[in-house]
Protein backbone atom coordinates (compact mmCIF):
# COMPACT_ATOMS: atom_id res chain seq x y z
CA MET A 1 -15.04 -90.41 25.01
CA LEU A 2 -15.57 -87.30 27.39
CA VAL A 3 -11.52 -86.19 26.49
CA ALA A 4 -12.13 -87.20 22.99
CA SER A 5 -15.22 -84.76 22.59
CA LYS A 6 -13.86 -82.27 25.00
CA GLY A 7 -11.79 -80.14 22.45
CA PRO A 8 -14.53 -79.46 19.37
CA LEU A 9 -17.19 -79.12 22.06
CA ILE A 10 -14.96 -76.19 23.43
CA ILE A 11 -14.57 -74.79 20.04
CA SER A 12 -17.85 -75.06 19.04
CA SER A 13 -18.98 -73.12 22.15
CA LEU A 14 -16.33 -70.46 21.31
CA VAL A 15 -17.22 -69.96 17.86
CA ILE A 16 -20.79 -69.91 19.35
CA SER A 17 -19.97 -67.18 21.34
CA PHE A 18 -17.98 -65.00 18.84
CA LEU A 19 -20.64 -65.12 16.28
CA LEU A 20 -22.97 -63.90 18.95
CA ILE A 21 -21.05 -60.93 20.21
CA LEU A 22 -20.54 -60.12 16.49
CA PRO A 23 -22.50 -56.74 15.64
CA SER A 24 -25.28 -57.89 12.86
CA PRO A 25 -23.60 -56.04 9.77
CA VAL A 26 -20.86 -57.93 10.51
CA LEU A 27 -22.44 -61.03 11.08
CA ALA A 28 -24.85 -60.90 7.79
CA GLY A 29 -21.52 -60.21 6.29
CA ALA A 30 -20.03 -63.48 7.54
CA LEU A 31 -22.65 -65.59 6.61
CA SER A 32 -23.74 -64.05 2.97
CA PRO A 33 -21.74 -61.22 1.94
CA TYR A 34 -23.91 -60.57 -0.96
CA HIS A 35 -27.39 -62.05 0.21
CA ASN A 36 -29.00 -58.82 1.47
CA SER A 37 -29.45 -55.61 0.32
CA LYS A 38 -30.11 -53.97 3.88
CA ILE A 39 -28.11 -53.82 7.25
CA ASN A 40 -29.12 -52.32 10.58
CA SER A 41 -28.77 -48.97 11.15
CA ARG A 42 -25.93 -48.37 13.44
CA SER A 43 -24.14 -45.31 15.84
CA LEU A 44 -21.02 -44.64 14.15
CA ALA A 45 -19.90 -43.36 17.87
CA SER A 46 -20.77 -46.79 19.18
CA ASN A 47 -19.59 -49.20 16.85
CA ASP A 48 -16.82 -47.49 14.99
CA SER A 49 -13.57 -49.16 17.32
CA THR A 50 -15.30 -52.79 17.62
CA LEU A 51 -16.21 -52.81 13.68
CA LEU A 52 -12.75 -51.81 12.90
CA SER A 53 -10.95 -54.08 15.14
CA GLN A 54 -11.82 -57.35 13.26
CA ALA A 55 -10.40 -55.99 9.94
CA ASN A 56 -6.79 -56.03 9.03
CA SER A 57 -6.79 -52.03 8.32
CA ASN A 58 -3.88 -51.75 7.14
CA SER A 59 -5.16 -53.91 3.83
CA LEU A 60 -7.64 -51.24 2.71
CA ASP A 61 -7.15 -47.50 2.07
CA LEU A 62 -9.84 -44.83 1.72
CA GLY A 63 -9.56 -41.42 0.14
CA TYR A 64 -11.16 -38.48 -1.37
CA GLY A 65 -9.23 -39.42 -5.16
CA PRO A 66 -6.79 -41.73 -5.96
CA GLY A 67 -4.08 -39.50 -4.70
CA SER A 68 -5.12 -39.28 -1.11
CA LEU A 69 -5.48 -42.68 0.09
CA SER A 70 -4.33 -43.52 3.29
CA PRO A 71 -4.69 -46.76 5.55
CA ILE A 72 -8.25 -46.60 7.30
CA SER A 73 -6.05 -47.28 10.63
CA GLN A 74 -4.68 -44.30 10.57
CA GLN A 75 -7.66 -42.38 9.47
CA ILE A 76 -10.63 -42.63 8.04
CA PRO A 77 -12.53 -39.48 5.55
CA VAL A 78 -15.36 -37.84 6.53
CA TYR A 79 -17.52 -37.24 3.32
CA THR A 80 -19.33 -34.48 2.03
CA VAL A 81 -21.46 -33.29 -1.36
CA ASN A 82 -19.52 -34.07 -4.57
CA ASP A 83 -16.71 -36.16 -3.24
CA GLN A 84 -15.96 -39.41 -4.17
CA LEU A 85 -15.25 -42.50 -2.25
CA TRP A 86 -12.34 -44.16 -3.80
CA ILE A 87 -10.73 -47.66 -2.55
CA GLU A 88 -7.76 -49.26 -3.18
CA SER A 89 -6.92 -52.88 -1.85
CA ASN A 90 -3.75 -54.32 -0.53
CA TYR A 91 -5.38 -57.96 -0.65
CA ASP A 92 -3.30 -59.96 -3.43
CA TYR A 93 -6.84 -61.39 -4.55
CA ASN A 94 -10.15 -59.19 -5.53
CA ILE A 95 -12.75 -58.25 -2.70
CA GLY A 96 -16.24 -57.29 -2.39
CA ALA A 97 -17.60 -53.88 -1.35
CA ARG A 98 -20.71 -52.68 -0.60
CA LEU A 99 -21.92 -48.93 0.95
CA PHE A 100 -25.48 -48.90 2.79
CA ASP A 101 -26.82 -45.82 4.08
CA ALA A 102 -28.47 -45.00 7.64
CA GLN A 103 -31.47 -47.05 7.22
CA GLY A 104 -29.68 -50.27 5.76
CA ASP A 105 -30.28 -49.83 2.01
CA LEU A 106 -27.84 -50.42 -0.73
CA LEU A 107 -25.73 -47.21 -2.32
CA ALA A 108 -23.17 -48.89 -3.73
CA SER A 109 -20.96 -52.59 -4.65
CA SER A 110 -17.99 -53.17 -6.34
CA THR A 111 -15.60 -55.48 -7.08
CA ILE A 112 -11.80 -54.12 -6.20
CA GLY A 113 -9.16 -55.62 -7.98
CA ALA A 114 -6.08 -56.63 -6.09
CA GLY A 115 -3.46 -53.35 -5.79
CA THR A 116 -6.12 -50.99 -7.70
CA ALA A 117 -7.58 -47.79 -6.96
CA THR A 118 -11.04 -47.61 -7.73
CA GLN A 119 -13.84 -44.58 -7.78
CA MET A 120 -16.83 -46.55 -5.77
CA TYR A 121 -19.01 -43.92 -4.90
CA SER A 122 -19.79 -40.36 -5.85
CA PHE A 123 -22.02 -38.28 -3.30
CA GLY A 124 -24.80 -36.17 -4.13
CA SER A 125 -26.84 -33.86 -2.58
CA GLY A 126 -29.84 -35.84 -2.14
CA LEU A 127 -28.03 -37.77 0.39
CA SER A 128 -28.59 -36.71 4.17
CA THR A 129 -25.97 -36.31 6.72
CA SER A 130 -25.79 -39.54 8.24
CA ASN A 131 -23.69 -42.46 9.41
CA LEU A 132 -22.86 -45.00 6.74
CA THR A 133 -21.04 -48.54 6.47
CA LEU A 134 -19.21 -49.75 4.05
CA ASP A 135 -18.61 -53.60 4.21
CA ILE A 136 -15.64 -55.37 2.60
CA SER A 137 -16.01 -59.29 1.66
CA ASN A 138 -12.71 -61.23 1.91
CA GLU A 139 -11.30 -64.54 1.74
CA SER A 140 -10.60 -64.41 5.48
CA GLU A 141 -12.72 -62.46 7.52
CA PRO A 142 -15.64 -59.88 6.08
CA TYR A 143 -15.51 -56.67 8.64
CA SER A 144 -17.27 -53.15 8.25
CA VAL A 145 -15.79 -49.80 8.03
CA PRO A 146 -18.07 -46.62 9.86
CA LEU A 147 -18.45 -43.96 7.50
CA GLU A 148 -19.49 -40.38 8.12
CA PHE A 149 -21.34 -38.07 5.43
CA VAL A 150 -22.10 -34.86 6.18
CA ASN A 151 -24.64 -32.60 4.17
CA PRO A 152 -24.30 -28.66 4.79
CA ALA A 153 -27.95 -28.56 3.42
CA ASP A 154 -29.03 -30.01 6.22
CA SER A 155 -27.79 -27.15 8.45
CA PRO A 156 -28.85 -24.06 6.88
CA ILE A 157 -28.63 -20.43 7.73
CA ASN A 158 -32.56 -20.00 7.36
CA SER A 159 -33.34 -16.91 9.31
CA LEU A 160 -30.81 -14.12 9.11
CA VAL A 161 -31.50 -10.61 10.87
CA ALA A 162 -29.87 -7.70 9.41
CA ASN A 163 -29.35 -4.22 11.03
CA TYR A 164 -27.82 -1.37 9.61
CA SER A 165 -26.61 2.05 10.63
CA ILE A 166 -24.19 4.75 8.82
CA SER A 167 -21.48 6.97 10.49
CA GLN A 168 -18.52 8.58 9.24
CA ALA A 169 -19.12 7.52 5.04
CA THR A 170 -19.09 3.90 6.70
CA LEU A 171 -21.59 1.51 6.56
CA HIS A 172 -22.18 -1.01 9.74
CA ALA A 173 -24.10 -4.03 9.51
CA SER A 174 -25.13 -6.76 11.89
CA PHE A 175 -26.30 -10.14 11.54
CA SER A 176 -27.87 -12.37 13.86
CA SER A 177 -29.46 -15.72 13.65
CA PRO A 178 -30.43 -18.78 15.99
CA ASP A 179 -28.91 -21.11 13.11
CA LEU A 180 -25.20 -19.90 13.85
CA SER A 181 -24.95 -21.55 17.11
CA ASN A 182 -23.92 -24.95 15.46
CA LYS A 183 -21.14 -23.14 13.31
CA PHE A 184 -17.49 -22.34 13.84
CA ASP A 185 -14.95 -20.72 11.89
CA ILE A 186 -17.64 -17.99 10.55
CA GLU A 187 -16.08 -15.49 8.28
CA GLN A 188 -17.80 -12.77 6.82
CA CYS A 189 -17.47 -11.02 3.19
CA LEU A 190 -19.09 -8.05 2.27
CA THR A 191 -18.67 -7.52 -1.45
CA ASN A 192 -20.64 -5.55 -4.30
CA GLY A 193 -20.20 -9.06 -6.38
CA SER A 194 -18.30 -7.77 -9.15
CA SER A 195 -15.11 -10.03 -9.16
CA ALA A 196 -16.63 -13.86 -9.88
CA ASN A 197 -14.57 -16.13 -11.77
CA GLN A 198 -11.74 -14.21 -11.54
CA ALA A 199 -9.06 -13.27 -9.10
CA GLU A 200 -5.70 -11.25 -8.72
CA ILE A 201 -2.24 -12.35 -7.71
CA SER A 202 0.04 -10.00 -6.82
CA LEU A 203 3.53 -10.10 -8.32
CA PRO A 204 6.67 -10.81 -5.58
CA GLY A 205 8.66 -7.51 -5.27
CA ALA A 206 11.60 -9.18 -5.81
CA LEU A 207 10.37 -10.19 -9.35
CA GLY A 208 8.72 -6.60 -9.85
CA SER A 209 5.07 -5.05 -9.32
CA GLY A 210 1.50 -5.23 -10.47
CA PHE A 211 -0.41 -8.50 -10.44
CA LEU A 212 -1.55 -11.03 -12.21
CA GLY A 213 -5.04 -11.57 -13.62
CA ILE A 214 -6.71 -15.35 -13.12
CA ALA A 215 -9.78 -15.73 -14.74
CA GLY A 216 -12.05 -19.29 -15.75
CA ASP A 217 -14.22 -21.65 -15.01
CA LEU A 218 -12.63 -23.98 -12.34
CA ASN A 219 -14.85 -26.72 -13.51
CA THR A 220 -13.13 -27.02 -16.73
CA SER A 221 -9.17 -28.04 -17.65
CA SER A 222 -7.64 -24.71 -17.67
CA VAL A 223 -8.09 -20.71 -16.57
CA GLU A 224 -6.51 -17.69 -18.39
CA ILE A 225 -3.63 -15.79 -16.78
CA PHE A 226 -3.72 -12.27 -17.61
CA THR A 227 -0.73 -10.02 -17.45
CA GLU A 228 -1.45 -6.24 -18.72
CA ASN A 229 -1.28 -5.35 -14.92
CA ALA A 230 2.14 -6.76 -14.25
CA SER A 231 5.96 -5.25 -14.27
CA PRO A 232 8.14 -8.21 -13.91
CA LEU A 233 11.70 -7.43 -13.85
CA PHE A 234 12.82 -10.65 -14.78
CA SER A 235 11.28 -13.96 -16.72
CA PHE A 236 10.06 -16.75 -14.41
CA ASP A 237 8.04 -19.92 -14.07
CA PHE A 238 4.79 -19.72 -13.11
CA SER A 239 2.36 -22.23 -11.85
CA LEU A 240 -0.75 -22.63 -9.68
CA GLY A 241 -2.43 -25.28 -7.28
CA LEU A 242 -5.74 -25.16 -5.15
CA PHE A 243 -6.09 -26.44 -1.86
CA ALA A 244 -8.68 -26.87 0.53
CA ASN A 245 -9.45 -28.37 4.07
CA TYR A 246 -10.37 -32.12 4.64
CA THR A 247 -11.57 -33.80 7.57
CA ASN A 248 -10.34 -37.49 8.50
CA GLU A 249 -11.92 -39.36 11.70
CA LEU A 250 -9.04 -41.26 13.88
CA PRO A 251 -10.36 -44.77 14.35
CA GLY A 252 -11.02 -45.52 18.09
CA THR A 253 -12.31 -42.32 18.85
CA SER A 254 -15.85 -42.95 18.87
CA GLY A 255 -16.89 -40.56 16.66
CA LEU A 256 -15.36 -37.85 18.51
CA GLY A 257 -11.58 -37.47 17.32
CA PHE A 258 -10.84 -36.02 13.83
CA THR A 259 -7.78 -34.51 12.00
CA ASN A 260 -7.76 -31.80 9.98
CA SER A 261 -5.20 -31.50 6.75
CA GLU A 262 -4.77 -29.36 3.82
CA LEU A 263 -5.15 -31.41 0.56
CA GLU A 264 -4.22 -30.21 -2.74
CA VAL A 265 -7.22 -30.64 -4.93
CA ALA A 266 -5.94 -29.52 -8.22
CA SER A 267 -2.48 -28.03 -9.85
CA SER A 268 -1.58 -26.73 -13.09
CA ASN A 269 1.27 -27.06 -15.57
CA SER A 270 4.34 -24.50 -15.26
CA VAL A 271 4.40 -22.06 -17.93
CA ILE A 272 7.24 -19.22 -18.62
CA LEU A 273 6.34 -15.52 -18.41
CA GLY A 274 8.41 -12.87 -19.54
CA THR A 275 8.85 -9.05 -18.82
CA SER A 276 6.72 -8.33 -22.01
CA VAL A 277 3.03 -8.01 -20.73
CA GLY A 278 -0.28 -7.74 -22.67
CA ASN A 279 -1.31 -11.45 -23.62
CA ALA A 280 -3.07 -14.02 -21.90
CA VAL A 281 -1.93 -17.35 -21.23
CA ASN A 282 -3.55 -20.55 -20.76
CA LEU A 283 -2.82 -23.14 -17.77
CA SER A 284 -4.02 -26.36 -17.77
CA LEU A 285 -5.51 -27.99 -14.58
CA SER A 286 -5.32 -31.63 -13.17
CA TYR A 287 -7.65 -32.48 -10.59
CA LEU A 288 -6.71 -34.96 -7.66
CA ALA A 289 -10.14 -34.31 -5.94
CA PRO A 290 -13.57 -33.04 -6.92
CA LEU A 291 -14.22 -29.81 -6.21
CA ARG A 292 -16.82 -29.21 -3.08
CA ILE A 293 -18.45 -26.07 -2.21
CA GLY A 294 -16.42 -23.96 0.28
CA ARG A 295 -13.24 -21.92 0.78
CA TYR A 296 -9.88 -22.51 -0.79
CA THR A 297 -6.47 -21.12 -1.21
CA LEU A 298 -4.93 -20.52 -4.25
CA ARG A 299 -0.88 -20.72 -4.25
CA ALA A 300 0.62 -19.40 -7.32
CA TYR A 301 4.25 -20.60 -7.97
CA PHE A 302 7.42 -18.03 -8.95
CA GLU A 303 10.23 -19.55 -9.78
CA ASN A 304 13.84 -18.09 -11.50
CA VAL A 305 17.36 -18.20 -11.06
CA ASN A 306 16.90 -15.80 -8.32
CA ALA A 307 14.04 -17.34 -6.00
CA THR A 308 11.21 -19.27 -5.63
CA LEU A 309 8.48 -17.42 -3.81
CA GLU A 310 4.68 -18.67 -3.38
CA VAL A 311 1.76 -15.78 -2.73
CA ALA A 312 -1.57 -17.36 -1.69
CA THR A 313 -5.28 -15.82 -2.30
CA PRO A 314 -8.42 -17.12 -0.76
CA LEU A 315 -11.31 -17.74 -3.04
CA LEU A 316 -14.50 -19.73 -2.13
CA ILE A 317 -16.10 -22.18 -4.87
CA GLU A 318 -20.24 -21.07 -4.47
CA SER A 319 -21.33 -24.16 -6.78
CA ARG A 320 -20.68 -27.91 -6.55
CA SER A 321 -20.31 -27.53 -10.34
CA ALA A 322 -17.17 -24.91 -9.74
CA SER A 323 -18.79 -23.23 -12.58
CA SER A 324 -18.99 -19.98 -9.79
CA TRP A 325 -16.45 -18.87 -7.58
CA PHE A 326 -15.55 -15.83 -5.84
CA TRP A 327 -12.12 -14.26 -4.93
CA LEU A 328 -12.04 -13.49 -1.46
CA GLY A 329 -9.23 -10.94 -1.94
CA SER A 330 -12.29 -8.52 -3.37
CA CYS A 331 -14.04 -8.46 -0.53
CA LEU A 332 -14.95 -4.84 1.09
CA GLN A 333 -14.34 -6.05 4.42
CA LEU A 334 -13.34 -9.77 4.94
CA ALA A 335 -13.48 -10.65 9.03
CA GLN A 336 -14.10 -13.30 11.25
CA GLY A 337 -17.15 -13.53 13.28
CA GLY A 338 -18.79 -15.67 16.08
CA PRO A 339 -22.43 -16.08 17.00
CA PRO A 340 -24.78 -14.91 17.97
CA LEU A 341 -23.95 -11.35 16.65
CA LEU A 342 -21.68 -10.68 13.29
CA SER A 343 -20.66 -7.39 12.49
CA SER A 344 -19.21 -6.17 9.69
CA SER A 345 -18.11 -2.44 7.92
CA ALA A 346 -17.53 -1.07 4.89
CA GLU A 347 -16.78 2.35 3.16
CA LEU A 348 -19.06 4.56 1.28
CA THR A 349 -16.71 7.30 -0.17
CA GLY A 350 -16.40 5.27 -3.55
CA PRO A 351 -19.36 5.25 -6.41
CA VAL A 352 -22.53 3.61 -5.45
CA SER A 353 -21.74 0.74 -7.66
CA GLN A 354 -18.82 0.15 -5.11
CA TRP A 355 -21.19 0.12 -2.27
CA PRO A 356 -21.77 -3.57 -0.26
CA ARG A 357 -24.74 -5.40 -1.82
CA TYR A 358 -23.93 -9.22 -0.90
CA LEU A 359 -23.28 -10.80 2.44
CA TYR A 360 -21.04 -13.95 1.75
CA LEU A 361 -21.27 -15.92 5.48
CA MET A 362 -18.80 -18.95 5.50
CA TYR A 363 -18.60 -21.52 7.99
CA ARG A 364 -17.70 -25.21 8.98
CA LEU A 365 -19.74 -27.66 10.02
CA LEU A 366 -16.93 -30.06 10.93
CA PRO A 367 -13.43 -29.20 10.33
CA GLY A 368 -12.84 -29.57 6.90
CA ILE A 369 -17.03 -29.31 6.19
CA GLU A 370 -18.15 -25.99 4.83
CA GLY A 371 -21.12 -24.38 4.24
CA PHE A 372 -21.67 -20.83 3.21
CA ALA A 373 -24.73 -18.49 2.71
CA ASN A 374 -24.94 -15.50 -0.06
CA VAL A 375 -27.09 -13.24 1.65
CA SER A 376 -28.77 -10.20 -0.33
CA LEU A 377 -28.23 -6.91 1.66
CA HIS A 378 -31.00 -4.96 1.45
CA PRO A 379 -30.07 -1.39 3.57
CA SER A 380 -32.56 1.38 2.00
CA LEU A 381 -29.58 3.40 1.37
CA ASP A 382 -28.89 6.33 -0.91
CA ARG A 383 -26.34 9.15 -0.93
CA ILE A 384 -27.43 12.96 -1.49
CA ASP A 385 -24.56 15.05 -3.03
CA PHE A 386 -25.36 18.91 -2.14
CA VAL A 387 -23.40 20.64 -4.99
CA ALA A 388 -23.35 24.40 -6.10
CA ASN A 389 -24.75 25.71 -9.37
CA SER A 390 -25.16 23.85 -12.22
CA GLU A 391 -21.35 23.06 -12.14
CA ASN A 392 -22.14 20.84 -9.60
CA THR A 393 -19.35 22.52 -7.63
CA THR A 394 -18.43 20.45 -4.31
CA LEU A 395 -19.94 22.75 -1.28
CA PRO A 396 -17.57 24.85 1.11
CA SER A 397 -16.65 23.64 4.52
CA TYR A 398 -18.57 26.84 5.69
CA ILE A 399 -21.73 25.19 4.23
CA GLN A 400 -23.64 23.62 7.05
CA ILE A 401 -26.72 21.09 6.44
CA THR A 402 -28.94 19.28 8.93
CA ARG A 403 -31.63 17.05 8.57
CA VAL A 404 -34.87 18.32 9.61
CA SER A 405 -37.31 15.67 11.10
CA SER A 406 -39.07 12.95 8.45
CA SER A 407 -40.78 9.75 8.89
CA ASP A 408 -39.62 8.36 5.78
CA VAL A 409 -36.01 8.32 7.28
CA GLU A 410 -34.84 6.43 10.11
CA SER A 411 -30.93 8.41 9.98
CA THR A 412 -28.30 10.20 8.13
CA ASP A 413 -24.64 10.73 8.09
CA ILE A 414 -23.94 14.11 6.67
CA GLU A 415 -20.18 14.79 5.62
CA SER A 416 -18.08 17.96 4.49
CA GLY A 417 -18.47 18.99 1.76
CA GLY A 418 -22.18 18.34 1.15
CA ALA A 419 -22.25 14.14 1.04
CA VAL A 420 -25.38 12.95 2.89
CA TYR A 421 -26.21 9.06 3.48
CA VAL A 422 -29.59 8.61 3.94
CA LEU A 423 -30.95 5.20 5.46
CA SER A 424 -34.60 4.95 4.88
CA ASN A 425 -36.99 3.38 6.29
CA GLY A 426 -37.84 1.28 3.35
CA THR A 427 -40.54 2.90 1.59
CA TYR A 428 -40.13 4.55 -1.53
CA PRO A 429 -40.12 7.32 -2.85
CA ALA A 430 -38.89 8.88 0.60
CA VAL A 431 -38.69 12.45 0.94
CA ALA A 432 -35.86 13.92 3.13
CA SER A 433 -35.76 17.53 4.04
CA PHE A 434 -32.64 19.30 5.08
CA ALA A 435 -31.70 22.96 6.14
CA LEU A 436 -28.75 24.75 4.86
CA HIS A 437 -26.92 27.00 6.87
CA LEU A 438 -24.21 29.94 6.60
CA GLU A 439 -21.97 30.00 10.13
CA GLY A 440 -24.83 28.65 11.76
CA LYS A 441 -27.69 31.09 9.95
CA THR A 442 -30.43 29.02 8.06
CA PHE A 443 -30.83 30.83 4.53
CA ALA A 444 -32.41 27.86 2.39
CA MET A 445 -34.61 24.82 2.66
CA GLU A 446 -34.24 21.31 0.47
CA ASN A 447 -36.76 18.72 0.14
CA VAL A 448 -35.01 15.65 -1.84
CA SER A 449 -37.13 12.69 -3.32
CA VAL A 450 -35.72 9.11 -3.42
CA GLU A 451 -36.94 6.46 -5.50
CA SER A 452 -35.05 3.79 -4.76
CA ALA A 453 -32.05 2.03 -2.82
CA TYR A 454 -28.68 2.42 -3.85
CA GLU A 455 -29.46 5.80 -5.56
CA ASP A 456 -26.93 8.75 -5.86
CA LEU A 457 -28.38 11.56 -6.48
CA ASN A 458 -26.98 15.32 -6.77
CA GLN A 459 -29.12 17.88 -5.15
CA GLN A 460 -28.41 21.70 -6.71
CA VAL A 461 -27.97 24.44 -4.24
CA ALA A 462 -28.57 27.77 -5.65
CA LEU A 463 -25.69 29.92 -4.76
CA GLY A 464 -23.56 33.01 -5.79
CA GLU A 465 -20.08 33.63 -6.09
CA LEU A 466 -18.07 36.56 -4.77
CA VAL A 467 -14.71 37.07 -5.94
CA VAL A 468 -12.54 39.84 -3.70
CA MET A 469 -9.22 41.00 -5.17
CA ALA A 470 -6.63 43.19 -3.19
CA SER A 471 -3.92 44.57 -4.55
CA ARG A 472 -1.70 47.79 -4.38
CA ASN A 473 0.30 49.95 -6.46
CA GLY A 474 -1.12 47.29 -9.12
CA GLU A 475 0.22 44.21 -7.49
CA ALA A 476 -1.46 41.45 -5.92
CA LEU A 477 -1.80 41.83 -2.32
CA GLY A 478 -1.52 38.37 -0.28
CA SER A 479 -2.48 37.80 3.23
CA ALA A 480 -5.17 40.53 3.60
CA ILE A 481 -7.56 39.73 5.87
CA VAL A 482 -11.40 39.51 4.16
CA THR A 483 -14.57 39.65 6.25
CA ILE A 484 -17.87 39.09 4.36
CA LEU A 485 -21.07 39.63 6.37
CA SER A 486 -24.36 38.81 5.05
CA ASP A 487 -26.80 41.85 5.66
CA SER A 488 -29.77 39.52 6.14
CA LEU A 489 -28.30 36.69 7.66
CA ASN A 490 -26.07 38.76 10.31
CA ALA A 491 -23.71 35.77 9.68
CA SER A 492 -19.90 36.50 8.88
CA LEU A 493 -16.99 34.22 7.60
CA THR A 494 -13.34 35.34 7.32
CA GLU A 495 -10.86 34.57 4.48
CA VAL A 496 -7.45 35.16 3.80
CA THR A 497 -6.17 36.50 0.13
CA ASN A 498 -3.95 33.67 -1.65
CA ALA A 499 -0.50 34.95 -3.25
CA ASN A 500 -2.44 36.25 -6.17
CA GLY A 501 -4.58 38.38 -3.52
CA ILE A 502 -7.83 36.68 -4.15
CA VAL A 503 -10.48 35.43 -2.01
CA ASP A 504 -13.15 33.46 -3.93
CA VAL A 505 -16.42 32.02 -2.26
CA LEU A 506 -19.96 30.86 -3.07
CA VAL A 507 -22.43 32.52 -0.54
CA PRO A 508 -26.29 32.88 -0.19
CA PRO A 509 -27.55 35.37 -2.48
CA GLY A 510 -28.22 38.59 -1.23
CA ASN A 511 -26.26 42.28 0.07
CA TYR A 512 -23.00 41.63 1.63
CA THR A 513 -20.49 44.29 3.63
CA LEU A 514 -16.96 43.51 2.82
CA THR A 515 -13.98 44.66 4.61
CA VAL A 516 -10.51 44.08 3.71
CA LYS A 517 -7.61 44.86 5.98
CA SER A 518 -4.06 44.64 5.43
CA GLY A 519 -0.93 46.23 7.31
CA GLY A 520 -3.53 48.79 9.55
CA ILE A 521 -5.35 50.09 6.71
CA THR A 522 -8.80 48.80 6.13
CA VAL A 523 -10.81 48.80 3.03
CA SER A 524 -14.95 48.28 2.66
CA SER A 525 -17.44 47.74 0.57
CA SER A 526 -21.33 47.02 -0.30
CA GLU A 527 -21.85 44.39 -2.78
CA GLU A 528 -24.90 42.25 -4.26
CA VAL A 529 -24.36 38.85 -4.86
CA LEU A 530 -27.07 37.20 -7.28
CA SER A 531 -28.27 33.70 -7.30
CA ARG A 532 -25.59 31.56 -9.65
CA GLY A 533 -23.87 34.76 -10.59
CA ILE A 534 -20.48 36.28 -10.20
CA SER A 535 -19.50 39.20 -8.33
CA GLN A 536 -16.38 41.12 -8.39
CA TYR A 537 -14.99 43.66 -5.90
CA ALA A 538 -11.22 44.96 -6.50
CA ALA A 539 -10.04 46.21 -2.94
CA VAL A 540 -7.00 48.64 -3.94
CA PHE A 541 -5.07 49.89 -1.17
CA PRO A 542 -3.43 53.28 -1.53
CA ALA A 543 0.36 53.30 -1.97
CA PRO A 544 2.48 53.90 1.37
CA VAL A 545 3.94 57.29 1.69
CA ASN A 546 7.80 57.96 0.95
CA TYR A 547 8.75 59.51 4.09
CA THR A 548 12.53 59.18 2.89
CA PRO A 549 12.84 63.00 1.48
CA ASP A 550 11.71 64.59 4.34
CA ILE A 551 14.25 62.71 6.89
CA ILE A 552 16.92 63.21 4.77
CA TRP A 553 15.62 66.92 4.87
CA VAL A 554 15.61 67.11 8.66
CA ILE A 555 19.09 65.41 8.70
CA SER A 556 20.99 67.66 6.64
CA ILE A 557 19.31 70.74 8.80
CA ILE A 558 20.34 68.76 11.79
CA THR A 559 23.40 68.30 10.88
CA VAL A 560 24.22 72.05 9.52
CA ILE A 561 23.13 73.37 12.86
CA GLY A 562 25.16 71.02 15.05
CA ALA A 563 28.35 71.63 12.61
CA PHE A 564 27.54 75.51 13.55
CA GLY A 565 26.93 74.95 17.32
CA ASN A 566 30.48 73.40 17.28
CA LEU A 567 31.93 75.97 15.43
CA TRP A 568 30.17 78.52 17.96
CA PHE A 569 30.98 76.74 21.09
CA TRP A 570 34.98 76.54 19.60
CA PHE A 571 35.44 80.43 18.92
CA ALA A 572 33.34 80.96 22.41
CA LYS A 573 35.92 78.72 24.45
CA ARG A 574 38.81 80.65 22.92
CA ARG A 575 37.52 84.01 23.48
CA ILE A 576 37.07 83.02 27.24
CA SER A 577 40.63 81.33 27.65
CA LYS A 578 41.96 84.89 26.08
CA ARG A 579 39.89 87.24 28.62
CA LEU A 580 41.43 84.76 31.75
CA ARG A 581 44.74 84.47 31.00
CA PRO A 582 47.11 86.97 33.23
CA ARG A 583 48.32 89.79 31.54
C-alpha cells in the first residue's frame, strides 16, 4: 500500500509546488482564464523571463501591424500612443487573449483564430506609461507576456529657459531645462514655420537637376508630387517609402535589453515622371502600421534603365493624426544637442519673414519612442536699416553707426551698410539711440522707436550727394586721387575716380574742400553740399605742354654746329699738316 500510494503522492506534491511558484497572473489564468477582470500589478523587470519561460513562445507573434509581426521568443514590441497591438497565433485552434493595465484592469479581450493576424488594441493618449500584461489562454498551458507602454506626454519639457544674443547678423539661442536630463538623441530645429505639410526631394544628378515637391496630409491615402521645379533628363519611375525607428525588448533581459530597428510604415505606388514637367501627380499610400509622433525618414526611389537611385530626407510627424507634419530639411539650422544646454544659431540676412520663430525640440525617451516640443521663440529682436534719403540707398562703408546707451536695448549688432540688429528688453515701444559718424566724427543723432518684435524699419539719414568729375582735353581722367575734406567736421575721405573719371559719394550736408590730383598736378575747389541735394564739381586738368618742336629745333642747331665744327677741325688739321711738312 505504501508503495502503491507513493507515486500519486509525489506527483500531487509536484503539482502543488509548481502552482505555488507560479506568478499570480499565470495562476489566476490557469484556474479560470476568463473569470477575473483584474490581475495583480507586476514589475516588468523582475517577471518577464519567468513568465515567458512557461510559454511556447514560438506559437505567438506580436507586432505593430500585420507586416511587423515576429515571435515573442525573439523580441517583444514596446508600444506608444497611436500604436496598435497585433497578434498572430500559430496554434491550430482558437486561443483567448486579454490585456491588463498595471493596476490589473482589463483593457481588452479577444479570441484569436488559428493562423490569423488580429488587431487586438489601439493605444490611446489616456493610458499612462506603465507595464502591461497580455494573458494568453490555450488548451495546454496558459501564460502571460509582459508588455511595456510609453506615453511621451508623461515626460514633457515643462520649463525651457531661453537666452539670446546677436553677432555678425546671426541670432544665437541657448536653451536649458532640467526636463532634458532623461532625454537622449536630442535634435533641435530652428524654423520660421513656413514648410508645414510640404517637402522637397532633390533630383539625383544622374537624372537631371532641381527638385520634386511633395505635399499633402499623411493621414489620407494620397500625396501630391509637384514637378515644376525639376529638370529631368530622362523619364523615370518614382515612388516613396516612409520609415521610422521602433523598439523591441529582448526577452530574458529583465527590461534592460532593447533592439532598435527601422520599420517601413507607409509605401506608395510607382508613377512614371517624364521630361515634361509642370503638372501635379498623385501617389497612393498604403500603411503598414499607424503613424506615431516623432521623426521619420522619407525615402524617394528613382528608377530607369540607367540607374536605380534613392534620396532620403527627414520629417517630423507633429500630431498623432498625422494631419500635421513638418519637413526637417527646411530648418534654418538642424543640429544635435545634449543636456543641460542646447545651442542653435541662424543667420538674419534675409527678410524678417525668414527669421526663426519656432524651435522644434525632438528627443527620445527609449530607442524608437520619441517626443517633441514646439517652442515659440520670443526674442525681442528687430532690424533697423539706416538708409540715405528717400531713395533708401544703402549707407556707404565710411558712414559709421554706434549705439548710444539706452535702457530699452540689451544689445545691438551693427553691420556694414547700415543694417543694425536690436535685441531689446521686451518692453515696447523700445527707443534706441544711435550716433552717425564720418571718419570717426559725429555729424548726426538718430532716435528710433520700435513698436513690436520682428520689425524691419527703414531709418532715413539726410545726406547730400557729391559728384566729382575729372577730365583732361575733354576726356575722362581715371585713377585721379580725390580728397574730400569736411570743413566743419575736420574729417576727410579719399577716393579714386573710376574709368569714367567720376567719384560719387554721399556725405553729410556742409562745406567741403576738394582736391583732385593726377600726374603731379593738383586742382582744388570749395563746394557746398545741401541736404538731399546733388553738388557737382568738374576738375579740369590743363593739357600737357608739347615740347616736341622745341626739342627738334635744339637738336637741329646742335647738328648744324657739330657739322661746322667737324669741317673746321678737318680744314684746320690740313693746314697744320702742310706747315709741318719739310720743304
